[in-house]
Amino acid sequence: MSAAKPSKTLLIVYHSLTDGTRQMAEAARVGAAAEEGVEVRMLHASQAGPDDVLAAEGLIFATPENLAAISGQLKDFFDRSYYPVLDRVNGRPYASLICAGSDGHNAARQIERIATGWRLKPVAEPLIVCTHAQTPEAILAPKQIAPEDLERCQALGESLAAGLALGVF
């Protein structure tokens, strides 16, 4: 007897320079993977493209906030994917994870504007983790995301996957 193929796919697209955002994306992946019937694909922004977006019923975008914006690599992913998937992903659910030094809201707004153009449906408020890194050394240092913040990321992944599996989204 063979296992049934998952009926829904959740795509997590991330970029991380200091490992904070990757930890957040990984926690969301772990949470989502606990849901039966959902395949979770986690791709670095440089490896993801339009075909990956089109193949997913749900999306999580994860980025550090760099100079009050999404990372350049996540922006590049959106630049490469935006028009090829325009009007082909309308209504699909999405959420975002932001690893910020002090704020994170501009990066969240950027993702929201792009998702609005794609006519995606937000299913959670942007999850922003603030590392309080303010000096060049602290900004560039490897990050360790606190367990309680990773739990919030995991819960977001669980929620999105459960909604997909149940057909809520």
C-alpha atoms as a PDB file:
ATOM      1  CA  MET A   1       0.000   0.000   0.000  1.00  0.00           C
ATOM      2  CA  SER A   2       1.508   3.355  -1.004  1.00  0.00           C
ATOM      3  CA  ALA A   3       1.137   6.609   0.884  1.00  0.00           C
ATOM      4  CA  ALA A   4      -1.259   9.105  -0.605  1.00  0.00           C
ATOM      5  CA  LYS A   5       0.299  12.147  -2.214  1.00  0.00           C
ATOM      6  CA  PRO A   6      -0.305  15.312  -0.199  1.00  0.00           C
ATOM      7  CA  SER A   7      -3.164  17.244  -1.722  1.00  0.00           C
ATOM      8  CA  LYS A   8      -1.812  20.737  -0.915  1.00  0.00           C
ATOM      9  CA  THR A   9       1.597  22.360  -1.102  1.00  0.00           C
ATOM     10  CA  LEU A  10       2.891  25.143   1.135  1.00  0.00           C
ATOM     11  CA  LEU A  11       5.894  27.032  -0.232  1.00  0.00           C
ATOM     12  CA  ILE A  12       8.220  28.896   2.121  1.00  0.00           C
ATOM     13  CA  VAL A  13      10.529  31.321   0.305  1.00  0.00           C
ATOM     14  CA  TYR A  14      13.239  32.855   2.457  1.00  0.00           C
ATOM     15  CA  HIS A  15      16.493  34.760   2.452  1.00  0.00           C
ATOM     16  CA  SER A  16      18.823  34.993   5.423  1.00  0.00           C
ATOM     17  CA  LEU A  17      22.254  36.556   5.743  1.00  0.00           C
ATOM     18  CA  THR A  18      22.837  36.107   9.481  1.00  0.00           C
ATOM     19  CA  ASP A  19      20.698  32.956   9.954  1.00  0.00           C
ATOM     20  CA  GLY A  20      17.871  34.608  11.931  1.00  0.00           C
ATOM     21  CA  THR A  21      15.343  34.505   9.116  1.00  0.00           C
ATOM     22  CA  ARG A  22      16.344  30.962   8.191  1.00  0.00           C
ATOM     23  CA  GLN A  23      15.657  29.849  11.761  1.00  0.00           C
ATOM     24  CA  MET A  24      12.240  31.489  11.605  1.00  0.00           C
ATOM     25  CA  ALA A  25      11.444  29.876   8.235  1.00  0.00           C
ATOM     26  CA  GLU A  26      12.648  26.491   9.499  1.00  0.00           C
ATOM     27  CA  ALA A  27      10.395  26.756  12.559  1.00  0.00           C
ATOM     28  CA  ALA A  28       7.427  27.532  10.284  1.00  0.00           C
ATOM     29  CA  ARG A  29       8.402  24.547   8.105  1.00  0.00           C
ATOM     30  CA  VAL A  30       8.500  22.235  11.122  1.00  0.00           C
ATOM     31  CA  GLY A  31       5.072  23.456  12.249  1.00  0.00           C
ATOM     32  CA  ALA A  32       3.566  23.074   8.789  1.00  0.00           C
ATOM     33  CA  ALA A  33       5.115  19.633   8.233  1.00  0.00           C
ATOM     34  CA  ALA A  34       3.145  18.287  11.199  1.00  0.00           C
ATOM     35  CA  GLU A  35      -0.070  18.644   9.158  1.00  0.00           C
ATOM     36  CA  GLU A  36      -1.031  15.542   7.192  1.00  0.00           C
ATOM     37  CA  GLY A  37      -1.999  16.155   3.598  1.00  0.00           C
ATOM     38  CA  VAL A  38       0.306  19.133   3.131  1.00  0.00           C
ATOM     39  CA  GLU A  39       3.694  19.009   1.442  1.00  0.00           C
ATOM     40  CA  VAL A  40       6.010  21.753   2.657  1.00  0.00           C
ATOM     41  CA  ARG A  41       8.697  23.093   0.350  1.00  0.00           C
ATOM     42  CA  MET A  42      11.246  25.531   1.768  1.00  0.00           C
ATOM     43  CA  LEU A  43      13.399  27.264  -0.828  1.00  0.00           C
ATOM     44  CA  HIS A  44      16.040  29.951  -0.622  1.00  0.00           C
ATOM     45  CA  ALA A  45      14.880  33.005  -2.567  1.00  0.00           C
ATOM     46  CA  SER A  46      17.687  32.537  -5.091  1.00  0.00           C
ATOM     47  CA  GLN A  47      16.362  29.030  -5.896  1.00  0.00           C
ATOM     48  CA  ALA A  48      12.625  29.797  -6.004  1.00  0.00           C
ATOM     49  CA  GLY A  49      10.775  30.997  -9.070  1.00  0.00           C
ATOM     50  CA  PRO A  50       7.412  31.297 -10.798  1.00  0.00           C
ATOM     51  CA  ASP A  51       6.891  27.543 -11.245  1.00  0.00           C
ATOM     52  CA  ASP A  52       7.332  27.023  -7.499  1.00  0.00           C
ATOM     53  CA  VAL A  53       4.753  29.718  -6.740  1.00  0.00           C
ATOM     54  CA  LEU A  54       2.277  28.299  -9.246  1.00  0.00           C
ATOM     55  CA  ALA A  55       2.661  24.802  -7.763  1.00  0.00           C
ATOM     56  CA  ALA A  56       1.823  25.999  -4.229  1.00  0.00           C
ATOM     57  CA  GLU A  57      -1.622  26.479  -2.717  1.00  0.00           C
ATOM     58  CA  GLY A  58      -0.187  28.531   0.167  1.00  0.00           C
ATOM     59  CA  LEU A  59       2.865  30.746   0.647  1.00  0.00           C
ATOM     60  CA  ILE A  60       5.104  32.065   3.415  1.00  0.00           C
ATOM     61  CA  PHE A  61       7.627  34.784   2.609  1.00  0.00           C
ATOM     62  CA  ALA A  62      10.508  35.206   5.081  1.00  0.00           C
ATOM     63  CA  THR A  63      13.077  37.994   4.971  1.00  0.00           C
ATOM     64  CA  PRO A  64      15.360  40.108   7.060  1.00  0.00           C
ATOM     65  CA  GLU A  65      14.605  43.804   6.992  1.00  0.00           C
ATOM     66  CA  ASN A  66      17.571  45.470   5.311  1.00  0.00           C
ATOM     67  CA  LEU A  67      17.655  49.273   5.296  1.00  0.00           C
ATOM     68  CA  ALA A  68      13.886  49.397   5.965  1.00  0.00           C
ATOM     69  CA  ALA A  69      13.134  47.029   3.061  1.00  0.00           C
ATOM     70  CA  ILE A  70      12.916  43.350   2.162  1.00  0.00           C
ATOM     71  CA  SER A  71      16.253  41.748   1.354  1.00  0.00           C
ATOM     72  CA  GLY A  72      17.634  42.136  -2.145  1.00  0.00           C
ATOM     73  CA  GLN A  73      17.419  38.400  -2.779  1.00  0.00           C
ATOM     74  CA  LEU A  74      13.742  38.239  -1.829  1.00  0.00           C
ATOM     75  CA  LYS A  75      13.146  41.295  -4.014  1.00  0.00           C
ATOM     76  CA  ASP A  76      14.937  39.488  -6.857  1.00  0.00           C
ATOM     77  CA  PHE A  77      12.633  36.476  -6.334  1.00  0.00           C
ATOM     78  CA  PHE A  78       9.590  38.753  -6.605  1.00  0.00           C
ATOM     79  CA  ASP A  79      11.069  40.516  -9.658  1.00  0.00           C
ATOM     80  CA  ARG A  80      11.592  37.170 -11.430  1.00  0.00           C
ATOM     81  CA  SER A  81       8.219  35.748 -10.410  1.00  0.00           C
ATOM     82  CA  TYR A  82       5.800  38.648 -10.357  1.00  0.00           C
ATOM     83  CA  TYR A  83       4.582  38.871 -13.963  1.00  0.00           C
ATOM     84  CA  PRO A  84       4.748  35.143 -14.808  1.00  0.00           C
ATOM     85  CA  VAL A  85       2.276  34.378 -11.985  1.00  0.00           C
ATOM     86  CA  LEU A  86       0.147  37.543 -12.117  1.00  0.00           C
ATOM     87  CA  ASP A  87      -3.575  36.651 -12.222  1.00  0.00           C
ATOM     88  CA  ARG A  88      -2.723  32.970 -11.746  1.00  0.00           C
ATOM     89  CA  VAL A  89      -2.531  32.824  -7.920  1.00  0.00           C
ATOM     90  CA  ASN A  90      -5.488  35.007  -6.976  1.00  0.00           C
ATOM     91  CA  GLY A  91      -6.937  34.221  -3.558  1.00  0.00           C
ATOM     92  CA  ARG A  92      -4.160  31.934  -2.353  1.00  0.00           C
ATOM     93  CA  PRO A  93      -3.286  32.372   1.335  1.00  0.00           C
ATOM     94  CA  TYR A  94      -0.004  33.827   2.473  1.00  0.00           C
ATOM     95  CA  ALA A  95       1.849  34.968   5.568  1.00  0.00           C
ATOM     96  CA  SER A  96       5.160  36.708   6.171  1.00  0.00           C
ATOM     97  CA  LEU A  97       8.050  36.407   8.614  1.00  0.00           C
ATOM     98  CA  ILE A  98      10.368  39.370   9.169  1.00  0.00           C
ATOM     99  CA  CYS A  99      13.635  39.342  11.137  1.00  0.00           C
ATOM    100  CA  ALA A 100      14.365  42.980  11.973  1.00  0.00           C
ATOM    101  CA  GLY A 101      16.938  44.894  13.940  1.00  0.00           C
ATOM    102  CA  SER A 102      14.572  47.555  15.184  1.00  0.00           C
ATOM    103  CA  ASP A 103      11.245  47.723  13.352  1.00  0.00           C
ATOM    104  CA  GLY A 104      10.343  45.435  10.434  1.00  0.00           C
ATOM    105  CA  HIS A 105       7.160  47.198   9.395  1.00  0.00           C
ATOM    106  CA  ASN A 106       8.460  48.619   6.103  1.00  0.00           C
ATOM    107  CA  ALA A 107       9.525  45.165   4.939  1.00  0.00           C
ATOM    108  CA  ALA A 108       6.114  43.827   5.962  1.00  0.00           C
ATOM    109  CA  ARG A 109       4.420  46.615   3.986  1.00  0.00           C
ATOM    110  CA  GLN A 110       6.523  45.817   0.927  1.00  0.00           C
ATOM    111  CA  ILE A 111       5.473  42.171   1.010  1.00  0.00           C
ATOM    112  CA  GLU A 112       1.862  43.223   1.572  1.00  0.00           C
ATOM    113  CA  ARG A 113       1.938  45.491  -1.505  1.00  0.00           C
ATOM    114  CA  ILE A 114       3.394  42.724  -3.674  1.00  0.00           C
ATOM    115  CA  ALA A 115       0.892  40.186  -2.312  1.00  0.00           C
ATOM    116  CA  THR A 116      -1.940  42.649  -2.976  1.00  0.00           C
ATOM    117  CA  GLY A 117      -0.804  42.893  -6.597  1.00  0.00           C
ATOM    118  CA  TRP A 118      -0.857  39.105  -6.815  1.00  0.00           C
ATOM    119  CA  ARG A 119      -4.286  39.196  -5.118  1.00  0.00           C
ATOM    120  CA  LEU A 120      -3.099  36.849  -2.383  1.00  0.00           C
ATOM    121  CA  LYS A 121      -5.125  36.558   0.813  1.00  0.00           C
ATOM    122  CA  PRO A 122      -3.319  37.414   4.072  1.00  0.00           C
ATOM    123  CA  VAL A 123      -4.153  34.838   6.734  1.00  0.00           C
ATOM    124  CA  ALA A 124      -2.057  36.277   9.566  1.00  0.00           C
ATOM    125  CA  GLU A 125      -0.505  39.555  10.594  1.00  0.00           C
ATOM    126  CA  PRO A 126       3.177  39.784   9.602  1.00  0.00           C
ATOM    127  CA  LEU A 127       5.229  38.017  12.262  1.00  0.00           C
ATOM    128  CA  ILE A 128       8.093  40.377  13.095  1.00  0.00           C
ATOM    129  CA  VAL A 129      10.941  39.320  15.369  1.00  0.00           C
ATOM    130  CA  CYS A 130      13.104  42.218  16.526  1.00  0.00           C
ATOM    131  CA  THR A 131      16.723  41.344  17.332  1.00  0.00           C
ATOM    132  CA  HIS A 132      17.605  44.893  18.503  1.00  0.00           C
ATOM    133  CA  ALA A 133      20.832  44.752  16.473  1.00  0.00           C
ATOM    134  CA  GLN A 134      21.888  48.384  16.010  1.00  0.00           C
ATOM    135  CA  THR A 135      25.653  48.494  15.454  1.00  0.00           C
ATOM    136  CA  PRO A 136      27.364  47.268  12.277  1.00  0.00           C
ATOM    137  CA  GLU A 137      28.926  44.426  14.280  1.00  0.00           C
ATOM    138  CA  ALA A 138      25.606  43.374  15.834  1.00  0.00           C
ATOM    139  CA  ILE A 139      23.750  43.671  12.534  1.00  0.00           C
ATOM    140  CA  LEU A 140      26.225  41.404  10.743  1.00  0.00           C
ATOM    141  CA  ALA A 141      26.656  38.917  13.598  1.00  0.00           C
ATOM    142  CA  PRO A 142      24.994  35.493  13.409  1.00  0.00           C
ATOM    143  CA  LYS A 143      21.576  35.588  15.097  1.00  0.00           C
ATOM    144  CA  GLN A 144      20.006  33.213  17.566  1.00  0.00           C
ATOM    145  CA  ILE A 145      16.210  33.576  17.576  1.00  0.00           C
ATOM    146  CA  ALA A 146      14.625  33.146  21.004  1.00  0.00           C
ATOM    147  CA  PRO A 147      12.652  29.933  21.599  1.00  0.00           C
ATOM    148  CA  GLU A 148       9.388  31.832  22.214  1.00  0.00           C
ATOM    149  CA  ASP A 149       9.752  33.601  18.852  1.00  0.00           C
ATOM    150  CA  LEU A 150      10.499  30.309  17.113  1.00  0.00           C
ATOM    151  CA  GLU A 151       7.357  28.881  18.732  1.00  0.00           C
ATOM    152  CA  ARG A 152       5.333  31.732  17.203  1.00  0.00           C
ATOM    153  CA  CYS A 153       6.848  30.959  13.786  1.00  0.00           C
ATOM    154  CA  GLN A 154       6.068  27.270  14.220  1.00  0.00           C
ATOM    155  CA  ALA A 155       2.475  28.092  15.181  1.00  0.00           C
ATOM    156  CA  LEU A 156       2.102  30.242  12.066  1.00  0.00           C
ATOM    157  CA  GLY A 157       3.299  27.332   9.903  1.00  0.00           C
ATOM    158  CA  GLU A 158       0.916  24.957  11.689  1.00  0.00           C
ATOM    159  CA  SER A 159      -2.030  27.318  11.222  1.00  0.00           C
ATOM    160  CA  LEU A 160      -1.425  27.926   7.538  1.00  0.00           C
ATOM    161  CA  ALA A 161      -0.947  24.212   6.827  1.00  0.00           C
ATOM    162  CA  ALA A 162      -4.043  23.265   8.839  1.00  0.00           C
ATOM    163  CA  GLY A 163      -6.106  25.835   6.940  1.00  0.00           C
ATOM    164  CA  LEU A 164      -4.863  24.429   3.643  1.00  0.00           C
ATOM    165  CA  ALA A 165      -5.545  20.824   4.676  1.00  0.00           C
ATOM    166  CA  LEU A 166      -9.061  21.681   5.864  1.00  0.00           C
ATOM    167  CA  GLY A 167      -9.855  23.765   2.801  1.00  0.00           C
ATOM    168  CA  VAL A 168     -10.443  26.862   4.946  1.00  0.00           C
ATOM    169  CA  PHE A 169      -8.146  28.940   2.735  1.00  0.00           C
END
